[in-house]
Protein backbone atom coordinates (compact mmCIF):
# COMPACT_ATOMS: atom_id res chain seq x y z
CA UNK A 1 86.08 150.79 17.41
CA UNK A 2 85.51 147.72 19.63
CA UNK A 3 81.87 148.55 20.35
CA UNK A 4 79.73 145.43 20.75
CA UNK A 5 77.43 145.07 17.75
CA UNK A 6 76.04 141.55 18.22
CA UNK A 7 76.30 138.75 20.76
CA UNK A 8 74.44 135.42 20.71
CA UNK A 9 74.40 131.75 21.66
CA UNK A 10 73.17 128.87 19.48
CA UNK A 11 69.45 128.22 19.68
CA UNK A 12 67.96 124.87 20.61
CA UNK A 13 64.35 124.57 19.44
CA UNK A 14 64.68 126.52 16.20
CA UNK A 15 67.80 124.64 15.16
CA UNK A 16 66.43 121.12 15.75
CA UNK A 17 62.72 121.30 16.56
CA UNK A 18 62.00 117.58 16.19
CA UNK A 19 64.90 116.57 18.46
CA UNK A 20 63.81 119.17 20.99
CA UNK A 21 60.22 117.92 21.08
CA UNK A 22 61.38 114.30 21.34
CA UNK A 23 63.67 115.16 24.28
CA UNK A 24 60.81 116.93 26.04
CA UNK A 25 58.45 113.99 25.59
CA UNK A 26 60.79 111.19 26.72
CA UNK A 27 61.12 111.25 30.52
CA UNK A 28 64.47 111.15 32.35
CA UNK A 29 66.78 110.21 29.44
CA UNK A 30 65.30 112.86 27.15
CA UNK A 31 65.48 115.46 29.89
CA UNK A 32 69.13 114.57 30.58
CA UNK A 33 69.92 114.98 26.88
CA UNK A 34 68.05 118.28 26.90
CA UNK A 35 70.05 119.51 29.91
CA UNK A 36 73.35 118.50 28.29
CA UNK A 37 72.28 120.20 25.04
CA UNK A 38 71.31 123.39 26.93
CA UNK A 39 74.69 123.48 28.72
CA UNK A 40 76.47 123.00 25.39
CA UNK A 41 74.50 125.88 23.82
CA UNK A 42 75.25 128.18 26.78
CA UNK A 43 78.93 127.28 26.54
CA UNK A 44 79.23 128.59 23.00
CA UNK A 45 78.83 132.20 21.89
CA UNK A 46 79.72 134.58 19.11
CA UNK A 47 80.61 138.26 19.52
CA UNK A 48 80.76 140.72 16.63
CA UNK A 49 82.29 144.14 17.24
CA UNK A 50 83.32 146.93 14.91
CA UNK A 51 86.75 145.35 14.38
CA UNK A 52 86.54 141.58 15.00
CA UNK A 53 84.39 138.46 15.26
CA UNK A 54 85.07 136.10 18.16
CA UNK A 55 83.77 132.62 18.83
CA UNK A 56 84.02 131.29 22.39
CA UNK A 57 83.50 127.62 23.23
CA UNK A 58 83.51 125.73 26.49
CA UNK A 59 82.39 126.05 30.08
CA UNK A 60 85.34 124.64 32.01
CA UNK A 61 88.02 124.57 29.32
CA UNK A 62 87.64 127.68 27.18
CA UNK A 63 88.63 128.11 23.52
CA UNK A 64 88.42 131.46 21.76
CA UNK A 65 88.89 132.03 18.05
CA UNK A 66 89.11 135.63 16.83
CA UNK A 67 89.24 136.98 13.28
CA UNK A 68 89.71 140.65 12.53
CA UNK A 69 86.96 141.86 10.18
CA UNK A 70 89.52 143.33 7.80
CA UNK A 71 90.94 139.80 7.33
CA UNK A 72 87.62 138.08 6.54
CA UNK A 73 87.87 136.45 3.14
CA UNK A 74 84.55 134.61 2.88
CA UNK A 75 81.35 133.96 4.82
CA UNK A 76 79.45 130.79 3.92
CA UNK A 77 75.80 130.44 4.97
CA UNK A 78 74.16 126.99 5.03
CA UNK A 79 70.47 126.36 5.75
CA UNK A 80 68.15 123.47 5.03
CA UNK A 81 64.45 124.05 4.39
CA UNK A 82 63.42 123.71 8.03
CA UNK A 83 66.22 126.04 9.13
CA UNK A 84 65.11 128.61 6.56
CA UNK A 85 61.57 128.42 7.95
CA UNK A 86 62.82 129.04 11.52
CA UNK A 87 65.50 131.59 10.40
CA UNK A 88 68.43 129.65 11.80
CA UNK A 89 71.55 128.32 10.10
CA UNK A 90 75.24 127.57 10.02
CA UNK A 91 77.90 130.14 9.16
CA UNK A 92 81.48 129.51 8.12
CA UNK A 93 83.81 132.52 8.34
CA UNK A 94 87.22 132.11 6.75
CA UNK A 95 90.19 134.41 7.14
CA UNK A 96 92.75 135.46 4.58
CA UNK A 97 95.37 135.93 7.31
CA UNK A 98 95.96 132.29 8.22
CA UNK A 99 95.51 128.83 6.74
CA UNK A 100 93.49 127.50 9.67
CA UNK A 101 91.91 130.85 10.55
CA UNK A 102 88.24 130.01 10.34
CA UNK A 103 85.19 130.09 12.56
CA UNK A 104 82.26 127.66 12.29
CA UNK A 105 78.99 128.81 13.84
CA UNK A 106 76.37 126.05 14.08
CA UNK A 107 72.72 126.67 14.92
CA UNK A 108 72.60 130.45 15.32
CA UNK A 109 69.41 132.47 14.85
CA UNK A 110 69.31 135.19 12.19
CA UNK A 111 72.40 134.03 10.26
CA UNK A 112 71.85 136.58 7.48
CA UNK A 113 72.01 139.37 10.09
CA UNK A 114 75.34 138.02 11.38
CA UNK A 115 76.67 137.73 7.82
CA UNK A 116 75.63 141.30 6.99
CA UNK A 117 77.25 142.62 10.19
CA UNK A 118 80.51 140.90 9.24
CA UNK A 119 80.47 142.37 5.74
CA UNK A 120 79.72 145.93 6.97
């Protein structure tokens, strides 16, 4: 039942295209910001299996937050107009099992697909 269904990292360009272009244009400082942003995106991931959703954050210090799919109470999807155009958005997954049992996913591609996988 723990078969991997979906795994992803936040996207950079599609989430903030104007910031991305600005960082690419500005030499040295922009490139340093872009490198830091890339490392931050690689340090965060979401995994959806047949029984749970897990968010992992961090490269050196690691934080994992797991919610069993049977305990999911609500999934909130937030997208502005530019995010809708690029099919990227923010998801909030709240759990009925605990008061602070929630997962916030910022800047992930195909958020409706993730939401539908959680509700399956």
